[in-house]
C-alpha atoms as a PDB file:
ATOM      1  CA  GLY A   1     106.995  99.138  65.568  1.00  0.00           C
ATOM      2  CA  GLN A   2     106.918 102.033  63.142  1.00  0.00           C
ATOM      3  CA  THR A   3     105.009 103.440  60.216  1.00  0.00           C
ATOM      4  CA  VAL A   4     106.494 103.264  56.736  1.00  0.00           C
ATOM      5  CA  GLU A   5     105.714 106.032  54.249  1.00  0.00           C
ATOM      6  CA  SER A   6     106.084 105.605  50.498  1.00  0.00           C
ATOM      7  CA  GLY A   7     105.044 107.230  47.248  1.00  0.00           C
ATOM      8  CA  GLY A   8     106.933 110.488  47.482  1.00  0.00           C
ATOM      9  CA  GLY A   9     108.816 111.981  44.571  1.00  0.00           C
ATOM     10  CA  SER A  10     109.072 114.952  42.271  1.00  0.00           C
ATOM     11  CA  VAL A  11     106.118 116.393  40.423  1.00  0.00           C
ATOM     12  CA  GLN A  12     105.348 119.538  38.455  1.00  0.00           C
ATOM     13  CA  PRO A  13     102.932 122.171  39.762  1.00  0.00           C
ATOM     14  CA  GLY A  14      99.373 121.062  39.179  1.00  0.00           C
ATOM     15  CA  GLY A  15     100.344 117.425  39.392  1.00  0.00           C
ATOM     16  CA  SER A  16      99.223 114.680  41.760  1.00  0.00           C
ATOM     17  CA  LEU A  17     100.825 112.170  44.076  1.00  0.00           C
ATOM     18  CA  LYS A  18      99.494 109.366  46.215  1.00  0.00           C
ATOM     19  CA  LEU A  19     101.365 108.584  49.397  1.00  0.00           C
ATOM     20  CA  SER A  20     100.907 105.381  51.343  1.00  0.00           C
ATOM     21  CA  CYS A  21     101.358 104.600  55.003  1.00  0.00           C
ATOM     22  CA  ALA A  22     102.029 101.030  56.097  1.00  0.00           C
ATOM     23  CA  ALA A  23     102.626  99.537  59.519  1.00  0.00           C
ATOM     24  CA  ASN A  24     105.669  97.591  60.599  1.00  0.00           C
ATOM     25  CA  GLY A  25     105.036  95.537  63.716  1.00  0.00           C
ATOM     26  CA  PHE A  26     101.455  96.525  64.474  1.00  0.00           C
ATOM     27  CA  THR A  27      97.999  96.671  62.888  1.00  0.00           C
ATOM     28  CA  LEU A  28      97.330 100.068  61.365  1.00  0.00           C
ATOM     29  CA  ASN A  29      93.578  99.416  61.158  1.00  0.00           C
ATOM     30  CA  TYR A  30      93.284  99.783  64.933  1.00  0.00           C
ATOM     31  CA  TYR A  31      94.698 103.307  64.973  1.00  0.00           C
ATOM     32  CA  ALA A  32      93.841 106.752  63.768  1.00  0.00           C
ATOM     33  CA  VAL A  33      96.418 107.942  61.241  1.00  0.00           C
ATOM     34  CA  LYS A  34      97.592 111.506  60.931  1.00  0.00           C
ATOM     35  CA  TRP A  35      99.637 112.890  58.078  1.00  0.00           C
ATOM     36  CA  LEU A  36     102.053 115.706  58.854  1.00  0.00           C
ATOM     37  CA  ARG A  37     104.617 117.535  56.782  1.00  0.00           C
ATOM     38  CA  GLN A  38     107.759 119.427  57.495  1.00  0.00           C
ATOM     39  CA  VAL A  39     109.580 121.962  55.404  1.00  0.00           C
ATOM     40  CA  SER A  40     113.271 122.192  56.131  1.00  0.00           C
ATOM     41  CA  GLY A  41     113.862 124.680  58.921  1.00  0.00           C
ATOM     42  CA  LYS A  42     110.212 124.909  59.902  1.00  0.00           C
ATOM     43  CA  GLU A  43     107.942 123.228  62.417  1.00  0.00           C
ATOM     44  CA  ARG A  44     106.151 120.040  61.492  1.00  0.00           C
ATOM     45  CA  GLU A  45     102.521 120.821  60.654  1.00  0.00           C
ATOM     46  CA  PRO A  46      99.429 118.603  60.494  1.00  0.00           C
ATOM     47  CA  VAL A  47      97.895 117.843  57.121  1.00  0.00           C
ATOM     48  CA  LEU A  48      94.950 115.522  57.706  1.00  0.00           C
ATOM     49  CA  CYS A  49      93.854 112.821  60.092  1.00  0.00           C
ATOM     50  CA  ILE A  50      91.545 109.846  59.662  1.00  0.00           C
ATOM     51  CA  ALA A  51      90.018 107.869  62.497  1.00  0.00           C
ATOM     52  CA  SER A  52      90.159 104.130  62.852  1.00  0.00           C
ATOM     53  CA  ASN A  53      87.100 102.879  61.011  1.00  0.00           C
ATOM     54  CA  TYR A  54      85.904  99.483  59.845  1.00  0.00           C
ATOM     55  CA  ASP A  55      84.172 101.270  56.986  1.00  0.00           C
ATOM     56  CA  ASP A  56      86.991 102.231  54.651  1.00  0.00           C
ATOM     57  CA  THR A  57      84.663 104.155  52.355  1.00  0.00           C
ATOM     58  CA  VAL A  58      84.918 106.953  54.936  1.00  0.00           C
ATOM     59  CA  VAL A  59      87.511 109.532  53.897  1.00  0.00           C
ATOM     60  CA  SER A  60      88.884 112.752  55.275  1.00  0.00           C
ATOM     61  CA  LYS A  61      89.331 115.764  52.988  1.00  0.00           C
ATOM     62  CA  SER A  62      91.196 119.017  53.326  1.00  0.00           C
ATOM     63  CA  LEU A  63      89.184 122.232  53.308  1.00  0.00           C
ATOM     64  CA  ASP A  64      90.423 123.160  49.862  1.00  0.00           C
ATOM     65  CA  GLY A  65      89.598 119.698  48.556  1.00  0.00           C
ATOM     66  CA  ARG A  66      93.093 119.019  47.240  1.00  0.00           C
ATOM     67  CA  PHE A  67      94.069 116.352  49.775  1.00  0.00           C
ATOM     68  CA  THR A  68      92.139 113.210  50.699  1.00  0.00           C
ATOM     69  CA  VAL A  69      93.020 110.576  53.269  1.00  0.00           C
ATOM     70  CA  SER A  70      91.522 107.123  52.929  1.00  0.00           C
ATOM     71  CA  ARG A  71      91.956 103.707  54.437  1.00  0.00           C
ATOM     72  CA  ASP A  72      92.433 100.325  52.812  1.00  0.00           C
ATOM     73  CA  ASN A  73      91.682  98.017  55.689  1.00  0.00           C
ATOM     74  CA  ALA A  74      92.166  94.854  53.639  1.00  0.00           C
ATOM     75  CA  LYS A  75      95.767  95.887  52.993  1.00  0.00           C
ATOM     76  CA  ASN A  76      96.354  97.595  56.344  1.00  0.00           C
ATOM     77  CA  LEU A  77      97.239 100.846  54.567  1.00  0.00           C
ATOM     78  CA  VAL A  78      96.300 104.494  54.705  1.00  0.00           C
ATOM     79  CA  HIS A  79      96.694 106.712  51.644  1.00  0.00           C
ATOM     80  CA  LEU A  80      97.112 110.437  51.177  1.00  0.00           C
ATOM     81  CA  GLN A  81      95.947 111.483  47.718  1.00  0.00           C
ATOM     82  CA  MET A  82      97.264 114.917  46.817  1.00  0.00           C
ATOM     83  CA  MET A  83      96.048 116.850  43.787  1.00  0.00           C
ATOM     84  CA  ASP A  84      96.798 120.216  42.216  1.00  0.00           C
ATOM     85  CA  LEU A  85     100.120 120.373  43.998  1.00  0.00           C
ATOM     86  CA  ASN A  86     102.041 123.626  44.225  1.00  0.00           C
ATOM     87  CA  PRO A  87     105.627 124.422  45.292  1.00  0.00           C
ATOM     88  CA  GLU A  88     104.413 125.302  48.811  1.00  0.00           C
ATOM     89  CA  ASP A  89     103.474 121.636  49.244  1.00  0.00           C
ATOM     90  CA  THR A  90     107.133 120.653  49.000  1.00  0.00           C
ATOM     91  CA  ALA A  91     108.039 118.962  52.271  1.00  0.00           C
ATOM     92  CA  VAL A  92     108.833 115.676  53.954  1.00  0.00           C
ATOM     93  CA  TYR A  93     105.534 113.939  54.634  1.00  0.00           C
ATOM     94  CA  TYR A  94     105.108 111.729  57.663  1.00  0.00           C
ATOM     95  CA  CYS A  95     102.332 109.448  58.811  1.00  0.00           C
ATOM     96  CA  VAL A  96     101.828 108.693  62.482  1.00  0.00           C
ATOM     97  CA  ALA A  97      99.529 106.238  64.220  1.00  0.00           C
ATOM     98  CA  LEU A  98      97.679 107.388  67.295  1.00  0.00           C
ATOM     99  CA  ARG A  99      94.716 106.362  69.430  1.00  0.00           C
ATOM    100  CA  ASP A 100      92.564 109.315  68.414  1.00  0.00           C
ATOM    101  CA  CYS A 101      92.947 112.197  66.003  1.00  0.00           C
ATOM    102  CA  ASN A 102      92.685 114.623  68.921  1.00  0.00           C
ATOM    103  CA  ASN A 103      95.576 113.050  70.806  1.00  0.00           C
ATOM    104  CA  ALA A 104      98.783 114.991  71.136  1.00  0.00           C
ATOM    105  CA  GLU A 105     100.907 111.869  71.515  1.00  0.00           C
ATOM    106  CA  TYR A 106     101.772 109.473  68.751  1.00  0.00           C
ATOM    107  CA  ASP A 107     102.109 105.745  69.211  1.00  0.00           C
ATOM    108  CA  TYR A 108     104.089 105.047  66.058  1.00  0.00           C
ATOM    109  CA  TRP A 109     105.871 107.174  63.466  1.00  0.00           C
ATOM    110  CA  GLY A 110     108.171 106.735  60.516  1.00  0.00           C
ATOM    111  CA  GLN A 111     111.030 108.276  58.592  1.00  0.00           C
ATOM    112  CA  GLY A 112     108.927 110.246  56.139  1.00  0.00           C
ATOM    113  CA  THR A 113     108.879 110.548  52.367  1.00  0.00           C
ATOM    114  CA  GLN A 114     110.028 113.563  50.372  1.00  0.00           C
ATOM    115  CA  VAL A 115     107.603 115.389  48.088  1.00  0.00           C
ATOM    116  CA  THR A 116     109.061 117.994  45.761  1.00  0.00           C
ATOM    117  CA  VAL A 117     106.886 120.201  43.579  1.00  0.00           C
ATOM    118  CA  SER A 118     108.779 122.246  41.032  1.00  0.00           C
ATOM    119  CA  SER A 119     108.807 123.087  37.365  1.00  0.00           C
END
């Protein structure tokens, strides 16, 4: 199985994008989901993680409040809502499924989706 990311694209600074993470071959609801991003030539870095939770009103927010991860258990999806984007957010964004947000190992991962922020 693998995760499938979608929703990437090009946006101007200050704009918003909503990425989605779907599961191919497994049930995403049973896993924590971590979003990571990678700028070309740099290490992949974590963005946010959300635990497996039957209550999909529970969200995870970045410290600066610009990014929010949420679950849609009915659709077996996890979303990354990104607001007030700036050029430094330009990267390939990946979602991975893992047993716990504190785990170092991932059970499933995908090909990523490109986000480009430029004027």
